[in-house]
Amino acid sequence: MVHYTRKDIDGLKHIQRINLINSCSGYKSANLLATISQDGITNVAVFSSVTHLGSNPPVLGFILRPTSIPRNTYKNIKETGVFTINHIYNEIIEDAHHTSAKYPEHISEFDMTSLEVEYKKNCCAPFVKRSPVQLKMKYLEEYFIKTNEVLHIIAEIQDIYVNDDLLEEDGFINLAKGKIAAINGLDAYAIAKENTRFEYQRPKVLDEKAKAT
């Protein structure tokens, strides 16, 4: 097993260090966040940091890199208070990854890829058409993390749209059935073939003999 000390990590070449640290935490969610500016210019960008924060109220969060340089996603969210989260699936992985390219504010990533805009009732922000899971999000608050100057954006789920064949009776969304991607590191995508589910776990009851020992 290879061992990296903190000193070793600091001594790595830039790209090697980025790849190592971005991949060591495991698989991450693969989502497209779509927004629209006050001027009507759409934006869509890939994010691998969307995480569940709570179910009641239904809240998610994501990490935004330092805003010392222009971040169109952030600007649009602050202007409108609304954005959408769209799961990346096998057929759009290449175009989804291309949205990480830094285009000027006046150019929409929808126009530079084959990703298609879809609008739904009561949502000014666009969705990514045919994404198997689509979420309308309302901006709530943000927290500045001074360690590396990133922002933790907190938002509430307003609407959920899920393909019928992914939704199971108990409310579980079976992402494997939708061939939905996960991200390993910065640029590697994986598709789960199946899920293994377990029942809710409770502490085991030890018998008297086991207790005595």
N, C-alpha and C. Protein backbone atom coordinates (compact mmCIF):
# COMPACT_ATOMS: atom_id res chain seq x y z
N MET A 1 0.84 -1.19 0.00
CA MET A 1 0.00 0.00 0.00
C MET A 1 0.88 1.25 0.00
N VAL A 2 0.61 2.18 -0.89
CA VAL A 2 1.37 3.43 -0.97
C VAL A 2 0.95 4.33 0.18
N HIS A 3 1.92 4.97 0.83
CA HIS A 3 1.65 5.86 1.96
C HIS A 3 2.11 7.27 1.62
N TYR A 4 1.17 8.23 1.73
CA TYR A 4 1.50 9.64 1.53
C TYR A 4 1.37 10.36 2.87
N THR A 5 2.43 10.98 3.33
CA THR A 5 2.33 11.86 4.49
C THR A 5 1.87 13.24 4.01
N ARG A 6 1.53 14.10 4.96
CA ARG A 6 1.13 15.45 4.58
C ARG A 6 2.27 16.14 3.84
N LYS A 7 3.50 15.88 4.26
CA LYS A 7 4.65 16.47 3.59
C LYS A 7 4.75 15.94 2.15
N ASP A 8 4.48 14.64 1.98
CA ASP A 8 4.49 14.05 0.63
C ASP A 8 3.44 14.72 -0.26
N ILE A 9 2.24 14.90 0.30
CA ILE A 9 1.15 15.51 -0.46
C ILE A 9 1.54 16.91 -0.92
N ASP A 10 2.08 17.70 -0.01
CA ASP A 10 2.49 19.06 -0.35
C ASP A 10 3.58 19.08 -1.42
N GLY A 11 4.37 18.01 -1.49
CA GLY A 11 5.48 17.96 -2.44
C GLY A 11 5.11 17.42 -3.80
N LEU A 12 3.86 16.97 -3.97
CA LEU A 12 3.44 16.43 -5.27
C LEU A 12 3.31 17.54 -6.32
N LYS A 13 3.45 17.15 -7.57
CA LYS A 13 3.17 18.09 -8.65
C LYS A 13 1.71 18.49 -8.60
N HIS A 14 1.41 19.68 -9.09
CA HIS A 14 0.07 20.28 -8.95
C HIS A 14 -1.04 19.34 -9.41
N ILE A 15 -0.95 18.83 -10.63
CA ILE A 15 -2.00 17.98 -11.18
C ILE A 15 -2.11 16.67 -10.41
N GLN A 16 -0.97 16.10 -10.02
CA GLN A 16 -0.99 14.85 -9.27
C GLN A 16 -1.67 15.04 -7.92
N ARG A 17 -1.39 16.16 -7.27
CA ARG A 17 -2.01 16.43 -5.97
C ARG A 17 -3.52 16.63 -6.11
N ILE A 18 -3.93 17.38 -7.12
CA ILE A 18 -5.36 17.62 -7.36
C ILE A 18 -6.09 16.30 -7.61
N ASN A 19 -5.52 15.45 -8.46
CA ASN A 19 -6.17 14.18 -8.78
C ASN A 19 -6.24 13.27 -7.56
N LEU A 20 -5.17 13.22 -6.78
CA LEU A 20 -5.13 12.37 -5.60
C LEU A 20 -6.18 12.79 -4.57
N ILE A 21 -6.22 14.06 -4.25
CA ILE A 21 -7.13 14.54 -3.20
C ILE A 21 -8.58 14.52 -3.66
N ASN A 22 -8.82 14.80 -4.92
CA ASN A 22 -10.19 14.79 -5.42
C ASN A 22 -10.77 13.39 -5.53
N SER A 23 -9.92 12.39 -5.65
CA SER A 23 -10.43 11.03 -5.81
C SER A 23 -10.41 10.20 -4.53
N CYS A 24 -9.67 10.65 -3.52
CA CYS A 24 -9.51 9.82 -2.32
C CYS A 24 -10.77 9.77 -1.46
N SER A 25 -11.70 10.68 -1.65
CA SER A 25 -12.92 10.69 -0.82
C SER A 25 -13.96 9.69 -1.31
N GLY A 26 -13.75 9.12 -2.50
CA GLY A 26 -14.70 8.14 -3.04
C GLY A 26 -15.59 8.74 -4.11
N TYR A 27 -16.56 7.94 -4.56
CA TYR A 27 -17.47 8.39 -5.61
C TYR A 27 -18.33 9.53 -5.11
N LYS A 28 -18.60 10.48 -6.02
CA LYS A 28 -19.40 11.66 -5.68
C LYS A 28 -20.58 11.77 -6.65
N SER A 29 -21.58 12.54 -6.26
CA SER A 29 -22.73 12.74 -7.13
C SER A 29 -22.33 13.50 -8.38
N ALA A 30 -23.02 13.21 -9.48
CA ALA A 30 -22.74 13.87 -10.76
C ALA A 30 -23.99 14.61 -11.20
N ASN A 31 -23.95 15.93 -11.10
CA ASN A 31 -25.14 16.73 -11.38
C ASN A 31 -24.83 17.92 -12.26
N LEU A 32 -25.84 18.33 -13.00
CA LEU A 32 -25.78 19.57 -13.75
C LEU A 32 -26.66 20.60 -13.05
N LEU A 33 -26.06 21.71 -12.65
CA LEU A 33 -26.82 22.81 -12.06
C LEU A 33 -27.13 23.82 -13.16
N ALA A 34 -28.40 24.09 -13.35
CA ALA A 34 -28.82 25.00 -14.42
C ALA A 34 -29.45 26.25 -13.81
N THR A 35 -29.09 27.40 -14.38
CA THR A 35 -29.57 28.69 -13.89
C THR A 35 -29.89 29.59 -15.07
N ILE A 36 -30.44 30.76 -14.76
CA ILE A 36 -30.69 31.77 -15.78
C ILE A 36 -30.43 33.13 -15.18
N SER A 37 -29.85 34.03 -15.96
CA SER A 37 -29.55 35.37 -15.46
C SER A 37 -30.77 36.27 -15.59
N GLN A 38 -30.71 37.43 -14.99
CA GLN A 38 -31.80 38.41 -15.13
C GLN A 38 -31.97 38.85 -16.57
N ASP A 39 -30.92 38.71 -17.37
CA ASP A 39 -30.98 39.08 -18.79
C ASP A 39 -31.46 37.93 -19.67
N GLY A 40 -31.79 36.79 -19.05
CA GLY A 40 -32.33 35.67 -19.80
C GLY A 40 -31.29 34.74 -20.41
N ILE A 41 -30.03 34.84 -19.97
CA ILE A 41 -28.98 33.97 -20.49
C ILE A 41 -28.88 32.73 -19.60
N THR A 42 -29.03 31.55 -20.18
CA THR A 42 -28.98 30.32 -19.41
C THR A 42 -27.54 29.90 -19.15
N ASN A 43 -27.39 29.11 -18.11
CA ASN A 43 -26.08 28.58 -17.73
C ASN A 43 -26.27 27.17 -17.20
N VAL A 44 -25.38 26.27 -17.54
CA VAL A 44 -25.43 24.93 -16.98
C VAL A 44 -24.00 24.47 -16.72
N ALA A 45 -23.76 23.88 -15.55
CA ALA A 45 -22.41 23.50 -15.17
C ALA A 45 -22.43 22.22 -14.34
N VAL A 46 -21.39 21.41 -14.51
CA VAL A 46 -21.29 20.15 -13.79
C VAL A 46 -20.78 20.40 -12.37
N PHE A 47 -21.41 19.73 -11.39
CA PHE A 47 -20.99 19.81 -9.99
C PHE A 47 -20.93 18.40 -9.41
N SER A 48 -19.92 18.16 -8.58
CA SER A 48 -19.78 16.85 -7.95
C SER A 48 -19.89 16.95 -6.43
N SER A 49 -20.42 18.07 -5.93
CA SER A 49 -20.42 18.30 -4.48
C SER A 49 -21.82 18.40 -3.88
N VAL A 50 -22.85 18.08 -4.64
CA VAL A 50 -24.21 18.15 -4.10
C VAL A 50 -24.40 17.06 -3.05
N THR A 51 -24.86 17.46 -1.86
CA THR A 51 -25.03 16.49 -0.77
C THR A 51 -26.36 16.72 -0.04
N HIS A 52 -26.88 15.64 0.53
CA HIS A 52 -28.10 15.68 1.33
C HIS A 52 -27.79 16.28 2.70
N LEU A 53 -28.60 17.25 3.13
CA LEU A 53 -28.41 17.86 4.45
C LEU A 53 -29.56 17.56 5.39
N GLY A 54 -30.73 17.22 4.87
CA GLY A 54 -31.87 16.92 5.73
C GLY A 54 -33.11 16.67 4.90
N SER A 55 -34.04 15.90 5.49
CA SER A 55 -35.26 15.54 4.78
C SER A 55 -36.47 16.36 5.19
N ASN A 56 -36.43 16.98 6.36
CA ASN A 56 -37.57 17.77 6.82
C ASN A 56 -37.07 19.00 7.57
N PRO A 57 -36.94 20.14 6.87
CA PRO A 57 -37.30 20.37 5.47
C PRO A 57 -36.31 19.69 4.52
N PRO A 58 -36.73 19.49 3.26
CA PRO A 58 -35.85 18.82 2.30
C PRO A 58 -34.77 19.78 1.81
N VAL A 59 -33.56 19.59 2.28
CA VAL A 59 -32.48 20.54 2.04
C VAL A 59 -31.24 19.84 1.48
N LEU A 60 -30.65 20.46 0.47
CA LEU A 60 -29.39 20.00 -0.12
C LEU A 60 -28.37 21.13 -0.05
N GLY A 61 -27.12 20.77 -0.19
CA GLY A 61 -26.07 21.78 -0.24
C GLY A 61 -25.06 21.43 -1.32
N PHE A 62 -24.30 22.41 -1.74
CA PHE A 62 -23.19 22.16 -2.65
C PHE A 62 -22.09 23.18 -2.40
N ILE A 63 -20.89 22.82 -2.82
CA ILE A 63 -19.73 23.68 -2.61
C ILE A 63 -19.42 24.47 -3.87
N LEU A 64 -19.21 25.76 -3.68
CA LEU A 64 -18.85 26.65 -4.78
C LEU A 64 -17.43 27.13 -4.57
N ARG A 65 -16.61 26.99 -5.58
CA ARG A 65 -15.21 27.42 -5.48
C ARG A 65 -15.12 28.92 -5.27
N PRO A 66 -13.95 29.42 -4.84
CA PRO A 66 -13.81 30.85 -4.52
C PRO A 66 -14.38 31.76 -5.61
N THR A 67 -15.11 32.78 -5.17
CA THR A 67 -15.77 33.71 -6.11
C THR A 67 -14.88 34.90 -6.44
N SER A 68 -13.57 34.75 -6.21
CA SER A 68 -12.63 35.81 -6.59
C SER A 68 -12.55 35.96 -8.10
N ILE A 69 -12.98 34.90 -8.84
CA ILE A 69 -13.14 35.00 -10.29
C ILE A 69 -14.62 34.80 -10.58
N PRO A 70 -15.11 35.25 -11.75
CA PRO A 70 -16.55 35.17 -12.05
C PRO A 70 -17.08 33.74 -11.97
N ARG A 71 -18.19 33.56 -11.29
CA ARG A 71 -18.90 32.28 -11.20
C ARG A 71 -20.33 32.53 -11.65
N ASN A 72 -20.60 32.19 -12.90
CA ASN A 72 -21.91 32.51 -13.47
C ASN A 72 -23.05 31.81 -12.73
N THR A 73 -22.81 30.57 -12.32
CA THR A 73 -23.84 29.85 -11.57
C THR A 73 -24.22 30.62 -10.31
N TYR A 74 -23.22 31.05 -9.56
CA TYR A 74 -23.45 31.78 -8.32
C TYR A 74 -24.16 33.10 -8.58
N LYS A 75 -23.70 33.83 -9.56
CA LYS A 75 -24.30 35.13 -9.89
C LYS A 75 -25.78 34.97 -10.21
N ASN A 76 -26.10 33.97 -11.03
CA ASN A 76 -27.49 33.76 -11.43
C ASN A 76 -28.37 33.34 -10.24
N ILE A 77 -27.82 32.48 -9.38
CA ILE A 77 -28.58 32.04 -8.22
C ILE A 77 -28.88 33.22 -7.30
N LYS A 78 -27.90 34.10 -7.11
CA LYS A 78 -28.10 35.25 -6.25
C LYS A 78 -29.10 36.24 -6.85
N GLU A 79 -29.13 36.32 -8.18
CA GLU A 79 -30.06 37.23 -8.84
C GLU A 79 -31.50 36.73 -8.78
N THR A 80 -31.70 35.43 -8.99
CA THR A 80 -33.05 34.88 -9.13
C THR A 80 -33.53 34.09 -7.92
N GLY A 81 -32.59 33.55 -7.14
CA GLY A 81 -32.95 32.73 -5.99
C GLY A 81 -33.38 31.33 -6.34
N VAL A 82 -33.25 30.96 -7.62
CA VAL A 82 -33.74 29.66 -8.09
C VAL A 82 -32.69 28.99 -8.97
N PHE A 83 -32.57 27.67 -8.86
CA PHE A 83 -31.75 26.91 -9.79
C PHE A 83 -32.30 25.49 -9.86
N THR A 84 -31.80 24.70 -10.78
CA THR A 84 -32.23 23.32 -10.88
C THR A 84 -31.04 22.38 -10.78
N ILE A 85 -31.29 21.18 -10.25
CA ILE A 85 -30.29 20.12 -10.20
C ILE A 85 -30.78 18.99 -11.09
N ASN A 86 -29.93 18.56 -12.00
CA ASN A 86 -30.30 17.54 -12.99
C ASN A 86 -29.26 16.43 -13.00
N HIS A 87 -29.69 15.20 -12.77
CA HIS A 87 -28.74 14.09 -12.70
C HIS A 87 -28.15 13.79 -14.08
N ILE A 88 -26.85 13.54 -14.10
CA ILE A 88 -26.15 13.17 -15.32
C ILE A 88 -26.32 11.68 -15.56
N TYR A 89 -26.68 11.30 -16.77
CA TYR A 89 -26.86 9.89 -17.11
C TYR A 89 -25.96 9.52 -18.28
N ASN A 90 -25.89 8.24 -18.58
CA ASN A 90 -24.85 7.72 -19.49
C ASN A 90 -24.80 8.41 -20.84
N GLU A 91 -25.93 8.81 -21.40
CA GLU A 91 -25.95 9.34 -22.76
C GLU A 91 -25.44 10.78 -22.87
N ILE A 92 -25.31 11.48 -21.76
CA ILE A 92 -24.90 12.89 -21.84
C ILE A 92 -23.60 13.18 -21.11
N ILE A 93 -22.88 12.13 -20.71
CA ILE A 93 -21.68 12.33 -19.89
C ILE A 93 -20.67 13.27 -20.56
N GLU A 94 -20.37 13.06 -21.83
CA GLU A 94 -19.35 13.87 -22.49
C GLU A 94 -19.76 15.34 -22.54
N ASP A 95 -21.01 15.61 -22.92
CA ASP A 95 -21.47 17.00 -22.97
C ASP A 95 -21.55 17.60 -21.57
N ALA A 96 -21.99 16.79 -20.61
CA ALA A 96 -22.07 17.27 -19.24
C ALA A 96 -20.69 17.69 -18.73
N HIS A 97 -19.69 16.87 -19.01
CA HIS A 97 -18.33 17.20 -18.56
C HIS A 97 -17.81 18.46 -19.25
N HIS A 98 -18.21 18.69 -20.50
CA HIS A 98 -17.74 19.87 -21.22
C HIS A 98 -18.21 21.17 -20.57
N THR A 99 -19.30 21.10 -19.80
CA THR A 99 -19.79 22.32 -19.17
C THR A 99 -18.83 22.85 -18.10
N SER A 100 -17.79 22.08 -17.78
CA SER A 100 -16.77 22.57 -16.85
C SER A 100 -15.84 23.58 -17.51
N ALA A 101 -15.91 23.69 -18.84
CA ALA A 101 -15.11 24.69 -19.56
C ALA A 101 -15.58 26.08 -19.18
N LYS A 102 -14.67 27.04 -19.11
CA LYS A 102 -14.98 28.39 -18.65
C LYS A 102 -15.37 29.28 -19.84
N TYR A 103 -16.67 29.39 -20.07
CA TYR A 103 -17.18 30.27 -21.12
C TYR A 103 -17.53 31.64 -20.53
N PRO A 104 -17.46 32.69 -21.35
CA PRO A 104 -17.89 34.02 -20.89
C PRO A 104 -19.36 34.01 -20.50
N GLU A 105 -19.74 34.98 -19.72
CA GLU A 105 -21.10 35.05 -19.18
C GLU A 105 -22.17 35.08 -20.26
N HIS A 106 -21.88 35.68 -21.41
CA HIS A 106 -22.89 35.83 -22.45
C HIS A 106 -23.07 34.58 -23.31
N ILE A 107 -22.26 33.56 -23.06
CA ILE A 107 -22.37 32.31 -23.83
C ILE A 107 -22.97 31.22 -22.94
N SER A 108 -24.03 30.60 -23.42
CA SER A 108 -24.68 29.52 -22.67
C SER A 108 -24.07 28.17 -23.04
N GLU A 109 -23.78 27.39 -22.03
CA GLU A 109 -23.26 26.03 -22.27
C GLU A 109 -24.27 25.16 -23.01
N PHE A 110 -25.55 25.49 -22.89
CA PHE A 110 -26.56 24.77 -23.66
C PHE A 110 -26.31 24.93 -25.16
N ASP A 111 -25.83 26.11 -25.55
CA ASP A 111 -25.57 26.37 -26.97
C ASP A 111 -24.28 25.72 -27.46
N MET A 112 -23.40 25.36 -26.53
CA MET A 112 -22.10 24.79 -26.89
C MET A 112 -22.08 23.27 -26.79
N THR A 113 -23.20 22.69 -26.41
CA THR A 113 -23.31 21.23 -26.28
C THR A 113 -24.64 20.79 -26.88
N SER A 114 -24.90 19.51 -26.84
CA SER A 114 -26.20 18.99 -27.30
C SER A 114 -27.21 18.90 -26.16
N LEU A 115 -26.84 19.40 -24.98
CA LEU A 115 -27.78 19.46 -23.86
C LEU A 115 -28.93 20.39 -24.22
N GLU A 116 -30.15 19.99 -23.87
CA GLU A 116 -31.32 20.76 -24.25
C GLU A 116 -32.02 21.37 -23.05
N VAL A 117 -32.50 22.58 -23.24
CA VAL A 117 -33.25 23.29 -22.20
C VAL A 117 -34.67 22.75 -22.13
N GLU A 118 -35.17 22.64 -20.91
CA GLU A 118 -36.57 22.31 -20.69
C GLU A 118 -37.11 23.22 -19.59
N TYR A 119 -38.26 23.85 -19.84
CA TYR A 119 -38.87 24.70 -18.82
C TYR A 119 -40.12 24.03 -18.28
N LYS A 120 -40.34 24.22 -16.99
CA LYS A 120 -41.52 23.68 -16.34
C LYS A 120 -42.28 24.82 -15.65
N LYS A 121 -43.55 24.55 -15.38
CA LYS A 121 -44.41 25.55 -14.78
C LYS A 121 -43.84 26.07 -13.46
N ASN A 122 -43.94 27.39 -13.28
CA ASN A 122 -43.54 28.05 -12.03
C ASN A 122 -42.05 27.93 -11.71
N CYS A 123 -41.23 27.81 -12.74
CA CYS A 123 -39.77 27.79 -12.52
C CYS A 123 -39.09 28.58 -13.62
N CYS A 124 -38.46 29.67 -13.25
CA CYS A 124 -37.79 30.50 -14.26
C CYS A 124 -36.50 29.86 -14.74
N ALA A 125 -35.85 29.05 -13.89
CA ALA A 125 -34.60 28.41 -14.27
C ALA A 125 -34.87 27.21 -15.17
N PRO A 126 -33.97 26.93 -16.10
CA PRO A 126 -34.17 25.78 -16.99
C PRO A 126 -33.81 24.46 -16.33
N PHE A 127 -34.40 23.40 -16.83
CA PHE A 127 -34.00 22.03 -16.49
C PHE A 127 -33.23 21.47 -17.68
N VAL A 128 -32.51 20.37 -17.47
CA VAL A 128 -31.85 19.66 -18.56
C VAL A 128 -32.82 18.59 -19.06
N LYS A 129 -33.25 18.75 -20.28
CA LYS A 129 -34.25 17.85 -20.85
C LYS A 129 -33.77 16.40 -20.83
N ARG A 130 -34.68 15.50 -20.46
CA ARG A 130 -34.49 14.06 -20.41
C ARG A 130 -33.61 13.59 -19.24
N SER A 131 -33.17 14.50 -18.37
CA SER A 131 -32.49 14.03 -17.17
C SER A 131 -33.48 13.22 -16.34
N PRO A 132 -33.11 12.01 -15.88
CA PRO A 132 -34.06 11.13 -15.20
C PRO A 132 -34.55 11.65 -13.85
N VAL A 133 -33.73 12.50 -13.20
CA VAL A 133 -34.11 13.12 -11.93
C VAL A 133 -33.83 14.61 -12.03
N GLN A 134 -34.87 15.41 -11.81
CA GLN A 134 -34.75 16.87 -11.92
C GLN A 134 -35.32 17.50 -10.65
N LEU A 135 -34.59 18.46 -10.09
CA LEU A 135 -35.00 19.11 -8.85
C LEU A 135 -35.04 20.62 -9.04
N LYS A 136 -36.15 21.23 -8.62
CA LYS A 136 -36.21 22.69 -8.56
C LYS A 136 -35.76 23.11 -7.17
N MET A 137 -34.79 24.02 -7.09
CA MET A 137 -34.19 24.41 -5.83
C MET A 137 -34.40 25.89 -5.53
N LYS A 138 -34.61 26.19 -4.27
CA LYS A 138 -34.74 27.57 -3.80
C LYS A 138 -33.56 27.90 -2.89
N TYR A 139 -32.82 28.94 -3.25
CA TYR A 139 -31.66 29.37 -2.46
C TYR A 139 -32.11 29.80 -1.07
N LEU A 140 -31.41 29.32 -0.03
CA LEU A 140 -31.72 29.69 1.34
C LEU A 140 -30.64 30.54 1.99
N GLU A 141 -29.42 30.02 1.98
CA GLU A 141 -28.34 30.71 2.68
C GLU A 141 -26.99 30.17 2.20
N GLU A 142 -25.94 30.81 2.68
CA GLU A 142 -24.59 30.36 2.30
C GLU A 142 -23.64 30.58 3.47
N TYR A 143 -22.58 29.77 3.48
CA TYR A 143 -21.58 29.87 4.53
C TYR A 143 -20.19 29.93 3.90
N PHE A 144 -19.42 30.91 4.33
CA PHE A 144 -18.05 31.05 3.85
C PHE A 144 -17.14 30.15 4.67
N ILE A 145 -16.38 29.30 4.00
CA ILE A 145 -15.44 28.41 4.67
C ILE A 145 -14.05 29.00 4.48
N LYS A 146 -13.52 29.56 5.56
CA LYS A 146 -12.29 30.34 5.44
C LYS A 146 -11.05 29.48 5.18
N THR A 147 -11.12 28.18 5.49
CA THR A 147 -9.96 27.31 5.30
C THR A 147 -9.45 27.37 3.86
N ASN A 148 -10.38 27.27 2.89
CA ASN A 148 -9.96 27.35 1.48
C ASN A 148 -10.82 28.32 0.67
N GLU A 149 -11.56 29.18 1.38
CA GLU A 149 -12.30 30.29 0.77
C GLU A 149 -13.37 29.82 -0.22
N VAL A 150 -14.03 28.71 0.09
CA VAL A 150 -15.14 28.26 -0.73
C VAL A 150 -16.45 28.62 -0.03
N LEU A 151 -17.56 28.52 -0.77
CA LEU A 151 -18.88 28.79 -0.21
C LEU A 151 -19.68 27.50 -0.15
N HIS A 152 -20.38 27.29 0.95
CA HIS A 152 -21.32 26.19 1.06
C HIS A 152 -22.72 26.78 0.84
N ILE A 153 -23.33 26.46 -0.28
CA ILE A 153 -24.64 26.98 -0.64
C ILE A 153 -25.71 26.01 -0.14
N ILE A 154 -26.70 26.53 0.55
CA ILE A 154 -27.78 25.72 1.10
C ILE A 154 -29.08 26.07 0.37
N ALA A 155 -29.81 25.04 -0.08
CA ALA A 155 -31.03 25.28 -0.84
C ALA A 155 -32.09 24.25 -0.50
N GLU A 156 -33.34 24.65 -0.66
CA GLU A 156 -34.47 23.78 -0.36
C GLU A 156 -35.07 23.21 -1.63
N ILE A 157 -35.41 21.93 -1.59
CA ILE A 157 -36.07 21.29 -2.73
C ILE A 157 -37.52 21.78 -2.80
N GLN A 158 -37.89 22.36 -3.93
CA GLN A 158 -39.26 22.84 -4.14
C GLN A 158 -40.10 21.84 -4.92
N ASP A 159 -39.51 21.20 -5.91
CA ASP A 159 -40.21 20.22 -6.74
C ASP A 159 -39.24 19.13 -7.14
N ILE A 160 -39.75 17.90 -7.23
CA ILE A 160 -38.96 16.75 -7.68
C ILE A 160 -39.66 16.12 -8.88
N TYR A 161 -38.90 15.88 -9.94
CA TYR A 161 -39.42 15.17 -11.11
C TYR A 161 -38.55 13.94 -11.32
N VAL A 162 -39.19 12.75 -11.31
CA VAL A 162 -38.46 11.48 -11.41
C VAL A 162 -39.11 10.60 -12.46
N ASN A 163 -38.30 9.98 -13.32
CA ASN A 163 -38.84 9.01 -14.27
C ASN A 163 -39.55 7.88 -13.53
N ASP A 164 -40.73 7.52 -14.03
CA ASP A 164 -41.58 6.53 -13.34
C ASP A 164 -40.85 5.24 -13.00
N ASP A 165 -40.03 4.75 -13.92
CA ASP A 165 -39.42 3.43 -13.72
C ASP A 165 -38.30 3.43 -12.68
N LEU A 166 -37.90 4.60 -12.20
CA LEU A 166 -36.84 4.66 -11.18
C LEU A 166 -37.40 4.67 -9.77
N LEU A 167 -38.67 5.03 -9.63
CA LEU A 167 -39.25 5.24 -8.31
C LEU A 167 -39.88 3.96 -7.77
N GLU A 168 -39.38 3.52 -6.60
CA GLU A 168 -39.91 2.32 -5.98
C GLU A 168 -40.98 2.67 -4.96
N GLU A 169 -41.74 1.68 -4.52
CA GLU A 169 -42.92 1.90 -3.69
C GLU A 169 -42.61 2.63 -2.39
N ASP A 170 -41.43 2.41 -1.83
CA ASP A 170 -41.09 3.04 -0.55
C ASP A 170 -40.46 4.42 -0.73
N GLY A 171 -40.48 4.94 -1.96
CA GLY A 171 -39.95 6.27 -2.22
C GLY A 171 -38.50 6.29 -2.66
N PHE A 172 -37.84 5.15 -2.63
CA PHE A 172 -36.44 5.04 -3.03
C PHE A 172 -36.29 5.28 -4.53
N ILE A 173 -35.35 6.14 -4.91
CA ILE A 173 -35.06 6.38 -6.33
C ILE A 173 -33.90 5.48 -6.73
N ASN A 174 -34.16 4.53 -7.59
CA ASN A 174 -33.15 3.55 -8.00
C ASN A 174 -32.33 4.13 -9.16
N LEU A 175 -31.24 4.76 -8.81
CA LEU A 175 -30.42 5.45 -9.81
C LEU A 175 -29.80 4.48 -10.81
N ALA A 176 -29.54 3.26 -10.39
CA ALA A 176 -28.94 2.29 -11.30
C ALA A 176 -29.84 2.03 -12.50
N LYS A 177 -31.15 2.01 -12.29
CA LYS A 177 -32.08 1.77 -13.39
C LYS A 177 -32.03 2.89 -14.43
N GLY A 178 -31.68 4.09 -14.00
CA GLY A 178 -31.60 5.23 -14.92
C GLY A 178 -30.24 5.43 -15.52
N LYS A 179 -29.31 4.51 -15.22
CA LYS A 179 -27.93 4.62 -15.71
C LYS A 179 -27.34 6.00 -15.39
N ILE A 180 -27.58 6.40 -14.14
CA ILE A 180 -27.12 7.71 -13.68
C ILE A 180 -25.68 7.60 -13.20
N ALA A 181 -24.90 8.61 -13.52
CA ALA A 181 -23.45 8.58 -13.30
C ALA A 181 -23.06 9.04 -11.90
N ALA A 182 -21.89 8.61 -11.49
CA ALA A 182 -21.19 9.13 -10.32
C ALA A 182 -19.82 9.59 -10.81
N ILE A 183 -19.18 10.46 -10.05
CA ILE A 183 -17.88 11.00 -10.45
C ILE A 183 -16.80 10.50 -9.51
N ASN A 184 -15.72 10.02 -10.09
CA ASN A 184 -14.53 9.60 -9.35
C ASN A 184 -13.45 10.63 -9.64
N GLY A 185 -13.11 11.42 -8.64
CA GLY A 185 -12.13 12.49 -8.87
C GLY A 185 -12.74 13.65 -9.62
N LEU A 186 -12.02 14.14 -10.63
CA LEU A 186 -12.47 15.29 -11.41
C LEU A 186 -13.03 14.93 -12.76
N ASP A 187 -12.58 13.81 -13.35
CA ASP A 187 -12.90 13.59 -14.76
C ASP A 187 -13.24 12.14 -15.10
N ALA A 188 -13.46 11.30 -14.08
CA ALA A 188 -13.80 9.90 -14.33
C ALA A 188 -15.26 9.67 -13.92
N TYR A 189 -16.02 9.06 -14.81
CA TYR A 189 -17.45 8.84 -14.57
C TYR A 189 -17.73 7.35 -14.53
N ALA A 190 -18.62 6.95 -13.64
CA ALA A 190 -18.97 5.53 -13.50
C ALA A 190 -20.49 5.39 -13.44
N ILE A 191 -20.98 4.28 -13.97
CA ILE A 191 -22.41 3.96 -13.96
C ILE A 191 -22.62 2.70 -13.14
N ALA A 192 -23.47 2.77 -12.12
CA ALA A 192 -23.76 1.59 -11.30
C ALA A 192 -24.62 0.61 -12.08
N LYS A 193 -24.31 -0.68 -11.99
CA LYS A 193 -25.10 -1.70 -12.68
C LYS A 193 -26.31 -2.12 -11.86
N GLU A 194 -26.19 -2.08 -10.54
CA GLU A 194 -27.29 -2.49 -9.67
C GLU A 194 -27.06 -1.93 -8.28
N ASN A 195 -28.10 -2.02 -7.43
CA ASN A 195 -28.01 -1.60 -6.05
C ASN A 195 -28.23 -2.79 -5.13
N THR A 196 -27.57 -2.79 -3.99
CA THR A 196 -27.85 -3.76 -2.93
C THR A 196 -28.39 -3.00 -1.74
N ARG A 197 -29.64 -3.29 -1.35
CA ARG A 197 -30.26 -2.58 -0.24
C ARG A 197 -30.38 -3.49 0.98
N PHE A 198 -30.34 -2.86 2.15
CA PHE A 198 -30.47 -3.59 3.41
C PHE A 198 -31.59 -2.97 4.24
N GLU A 199 -32.16 -3.77 5.14
CA GLU A 199 -33.20 -3.27 6.03
C GLU A 199 -32.59 -2.32 7.06
N TYR A 200 -33.46 -1.52 7.68
CA TYR A 200 -33.03 -0.62 8.76
C TYR A 200 -32.36 -1.44 9.85
N GLN A 201 -31.18 -1.02 10.28
CA GLN A 201 -30.38 -1.80 11.22
C GLN A 201 -30.60 -1.36 12.67
N ARG A 202 -30.74 -2.36 13.55
CA ARG A 202 -30.86 -2.14 14.98
C ARG A 202 -29.74 -2.89 15.70
N PRO A 203 -29.40 -2.44 16.91
CA PRO A 203 -28.33 -3.12 17.65
C PRO A 203 -28.66 -4.60 17.86
N LYS A 204 -27.64 -5.43 17.77
CA LYS A 204 -27.83 -6.85 18.03
C LYS A 204 -27.99 -7.10 19.52
N VAL A 205 -28.83 -8.08 19.86
CA VAL A 205 -29.04 -8.44 21.26
C VAL A 205 -28.12 -9.61 21.60
N LEU A 206 -27.22 -9.41 22.56
CA LEU A 206 -26.31 -10.47 22.95
C LEU A 206 -27.00 -11.45 23.88
N ASP A 207 -26.74 -12.75 23.74
CA ASP A 207 -27.31 -13.72 24.66
C ASP A 207 -26.57 -13.66 26.01
N GLU A 208 -27.10 -14.30 27.03
CA GLU A 208 -26.54 -14.22 28.36
C GLU A 208 -25.10 -14.71 28.44
N LYS A 209 -24.81 -15.77 27.66
CA LYS A 209 -23.44 -16.32 27.68
C LYS A 209 -22.45 -15.32 27.12
N ALA A 210 -22.86 -14.67 26.06
CA ALA A 210 -21.97 -13.68 25.44
C ALA A 210 -21.76 -12.50 26.38
N LYS A 211 -22.83 -12.10 27.08
CA LYS A 211 -22.72 -10.98 28.03
C LYS A 211 -21.74 -11.30 29.13
N ALA A 212 -21.75 -12.57 29.58
CA ALA A 212 -20.89 -12.98 30.70
C ALA A 212 -19.43 -12.92 30.34
N THR A 213 -19.12 -13.13 29.08
CA THR A 213 -17.72 -13.12 28.67
C THR A 213 -17.27 -11.70 28.35
